Amino acid sequence: MEQVLEAVSYLLVAALGTAVVLAREPRRQAVMQCLFGMSLTMLFLVLQAPDVALSEVAVGAAALPLMILVALANVRAEPSSNRPAEGAAAGARSS
């Protein structure tokens, strides 16, 4: 029974890792990253590594997706008038 649980956990981690890579939209990537972190947490619990599972749930399933979502919100909230124009940036580099 334990081997079946390990195999299912490995397959879930592989499937969700692939889903993170194939997701195109940044918000969807953040959500998939959260699910991937939770699947890794489950795998670490199955492999009897509860300390690693706690670290993974804190970082991989909570902190990292939250930081990605906050960064996306800040980038989208920034007015476009503060960004340099393409021609201005290219002209500054050539001088």
C-alpha atoms as a PDB file:
ATOM      1  CA  MET A   1       0.000   0.000   0.000  1.00  0.00           C
ATOM      2  CA  GLU A   2       2.852   2.354   0.817  1.00  0.00           C
ATOM      3  CA  GLN A   3       4.416   1.837  -2.607  1.00  0.00           C
ATOM      4  CA  VAL A   4       1.133   2.696  -4.304  1.00  0.00           C
ATOM      5  CA  LEU A   5       0.864   5.912  -2.297  1.00  0.00           C
ATOM      6  CA  GLU A   6       4.449   6.829  -3.226  1.00  0.00           C
ATOM      7  CA  ALA A   7       3.804   6.121  -6.907  1.00  0.00           C
ATOM      8  CA  VAL A   8       0.639   8.231  -6.910  1.00  0.00           C
ATOM      9  CA  SER A   9       2.512  11.058  -5.169  1.00  0.00           C
ATOM     10  CA  TYR A  10       5.337  10.936  -7.706  1.00  0.00           C
ATOM     11  CA  LEU A  11       2.874  10.983 -10.605  1.00  0.00           C
ATOM     12  CA  LEU A  12       0.976  13.913  -9.098  1.00  0.00           C
ATOM     13  CA  VAL A  13       4.207  15.885  -8.617  1.00  0.00           C
ATOM     14  CA  ALA A  14       5.249  15.157 -12.198  1.00  0.00           C
ATOM     15  CA  ALA A  15       1.850  16.125 -13.615  1.00  0.00           C
ATOM     16  CA  LEU A  16       1.611  19.369 -11.642  1.00  0.00           C
ATOM     17  CA  GLY A  17       5.221  20.281 -12.423  1.00  0.00           C
ATOM     18  CA  THR A  18       4.425  19.913 -16.095  1.00  0.00           C
ATOM     19  CA  ALA A  19       1.261  21.977 -15.638  1.00  0.00           C
ATOM     20  CA  VAL A  20       3.279  24.811 -14.055  1.00  0.00           C
ATOM     21  CA  VAL A  21       5.650  24.865 -17.012  1.00  0.00           C
ATOM     22  CA  LEU A  22       2.863  24.732 -19.599  1.00  0.00           C
ATOM     23  CA  ALA A  23       0.729  27.459 -18.000  1.00  0.00           C
ATOM     24  CA  ARG A  24       0.978  30.665 -20.048  1.00  0.00           C
ATOM     25  CA  GLU A  25      -0.805  33.237 -17.913  1.00  0.00           C
ATOM     26  CA  PRO A  26       1.220  34.440 -14.871  1.00  0.00           C
ATOM     27  CA  ARG A  27      -1.739  34.241 -12.466  1.00  0.00           C
ATOM     28  CA  ARG A  28      -2.436  30.687 -13.563  1.00  0.00           C
ATOM     29  CA  GLN A  29       1.255  29.873 -13.084  1.00  0.00           C
ATOM     30  CA  ALA A  30       1.083  31.176  -9.510  1.00  0.00           C
ATOM     31  CA  VAL A  31      -1.959  29.028  -8.752  1.00  0.00           C
ATOM     32  CA  MET A  32      -0.344  25.990 -10.352  1.00  0.00           C
ATOM     33  CA  GLN A  33       2.840  26.673  -8.357  1.00  0.00           C
ATOM     34  CA  CYS A  34       0.748  26.613  -5.188  1.00  0.00           C
ATOM     35  CA  LEU A  35      -0.804  23.271  -6.154  1.00  0.00           C
ATOM     36  CA  PHE A  36       2.637  21.940  -7.072  1.00  0.00           C
ATOM     37  CA  GLY A  37       3.944  22.984  -3.643  1.00  0.00           C
ATOM     38  CA  MET A  38       1.064  21.188  -1.972  1.00  0.00           C
ATOM     39  CA  SER A  39       1.752  18.038  -3.977  1.00  0.00           C
ATOM     40  CA  LEU A  40       5.413  18.188  -2.958  1.00  0.00           C
ATOM     41  CA  THR A  41       4.296  18.574   0.653  1.00  0.00           C
ATOM     42  CA  MET A  42       2.184  15.445   0.305  1.00  0.00           C
ATOM     43  CA  LEU A  43       5.118  13.582  -1.258  1.00  0.00           C
ATOM     44  CA  PHE A  44       7.435  14.581   1.594  1.00  0.00           C
ATOM     45  CA  LEU A  45       4.863  13.418   4.133  1.00  0.00           C
ATOM     46  CA  VAL A  46       4.544  10.076   2.333  1.00  0.00           C
ATOM     47  CA  LEU A  47       8.347   9.770   2.372  1.00  0.00           C
ATOM     48  CA  GLN A  48       8.265  10.442   6.141  1.00  0.00           C
ATOM     49  CA  ALA A  49      10.035  13.803   6.054  1.00  0.00           C
ATOM     50  CA  PRO A  50       7.668  16.050   8.028  1.00  0.00           C
ATOM     51  CA  ASP A  51      10.256  18.783   8.614  1.00  0.00           C
ATOM     52  CA  VAL A  52      10.845  19.162   4.874  1.00  0.00           C
ATOM     53  CA  ALA A  53       7.076  19.062   4.299  1.00  0.00           C
ATOM     54  CA  LEU A  54       6.548  21.961   6.721  1.00  0.00           C
ATOM     55  CA  SER A  55       9.240  23.995   4.981  1.00  0.00           C
ATOM     56  CA  GLU A  56       7.716  23.241   1.592  1.00  0.00           C
ATOM     57  CA  VAL A  57       4.219  24.224   2.655  1.00  0.00           C
ATOM     58  CA  ALA A  58       5.538  27.527   4.033  1.00  0.00           C
ATOM     59  CA  VAL A  59       7.704  28.424   1.053  1.00  0.00           C
ATOM     60  CA  GLY A  60       6.448  26.523  -1.979  1.00  0.00           C
ATOM     61  CA  ALA A  61       2.735  26.553  -1.316  1.00  0.00           C
ATOM     62  CA  ALA A  62       2.314  29.905   0.449  1.00  0.00           C
ATOM     63  CA  ALA A  63       5.154  32.426   0.255  1.00  0.00           C
ATOM     64  CA  LEU A  64       6.304  32.015  -3.353  1.00  0.00           C
ATOM     65  CA  PRO A  65       2.847  32.128  -5.006  1.00  0.00           C
ATOM     66  CA  LEU A  66       1.911  35.080  -2.791  1.00  0.00           C
ATOM     67  CA  MET A  67       5.044  36.986  -3.818  1.00  0.00           C
ATOM     68  CA  ILE A  68       4.313  36.275  -7.486  1.00  0.00           C
ATOM     69  CA  LEU A  69       0.732  37.525  -7.152  1.00  0.00           C
ATOM     70  CA  VAL A  70       1.828  40.684  -5.308  1.00  0.00           C
ATOM     71  CA  ALA A  71       4.460  41.405  -7.954  1.00  0.00           C
ATOM     72  CA  LEU A  72       1.868  40.932 -10.713  1.00  0.00           C
ATOM     73  CA  ALA A  73      -0.536  43.279  -8.951  1.00  0.00           C
ATOM     74  CA  ASN A  74       2.193  45.924  -8.604  1.00  0.00           C
ATOM     75  CA  VAL A  75       3.223  45.657 -12.240  1.00  0.00           C
ATOM     76  CA  ARG A  76      -0.350  45.923 -13.479  1.00  0.00           C
ATOM     77  CA  ALA A  77      -1.157  48.816 -11.127  1.00  0.00           C
ATOM     78  CA  GLU A  78       1.864  50.856 -12.271  1.00  0.00           C
ATOM     79  CA  PRO A  79       0.734  53.607 -14.649  1.00  0.00           C
ATOM     80  CA  SER A  80       2.213  53.395 -18.105  1.00  0.00           C
ATOM     81  CA  SER A  81       3.326  57.072 -17.952  1.00  0.00           C
ATOM     82  CA  ASN A  82       6.120  56.119 -15.521  1.00  0.00           C
ATOM     83  CA  ARG A  83       7.626  53.632 -17.944  1.00  0.00           C
ATOM     84  CA  PRO A  84      10.184  54.985 -20.426  1.00  0.00           C
ATOM     85  CA  ALA A  85       9.213  54.863 -24.056  1.00  0.00           C
ATOM     86  CA  GLU A  86      10.920  52.282 -26.269  1.00  0.00           C
ATOM     87  CA  GLY A  87      12.576  54.955 -28.402  1.00  0.00           C
ATOM     88  CA  ALA A  88      13.775  56.910 -25.344  1.00  0.00           C
ATOM     89  CA  ALA A  89      15.350  53.809 -23.814  1.00  0.00           C
ATOM     90  CA  ALA A  90      17.061  52.900 -27.094  1.00  0.00           C
ATOM     91  CA  GLY A  91      18.287  56.486 -27.559  1.00  0.00           C
ATOM     92  CA  ALA A  92      19.733  56.584 -24.051  1.00  0.00           C
ATOM     93  CA  ARG A  93      21.735  53.421 -24.730  1.00  0.00           C
ATOM     94  CA  SER A  94      23.169  54.620 -28.019  1.00  0.00           C
ATOM     95  CA  SER A  95      24.549  57.929 -26.649  1.00  0.00           C
END
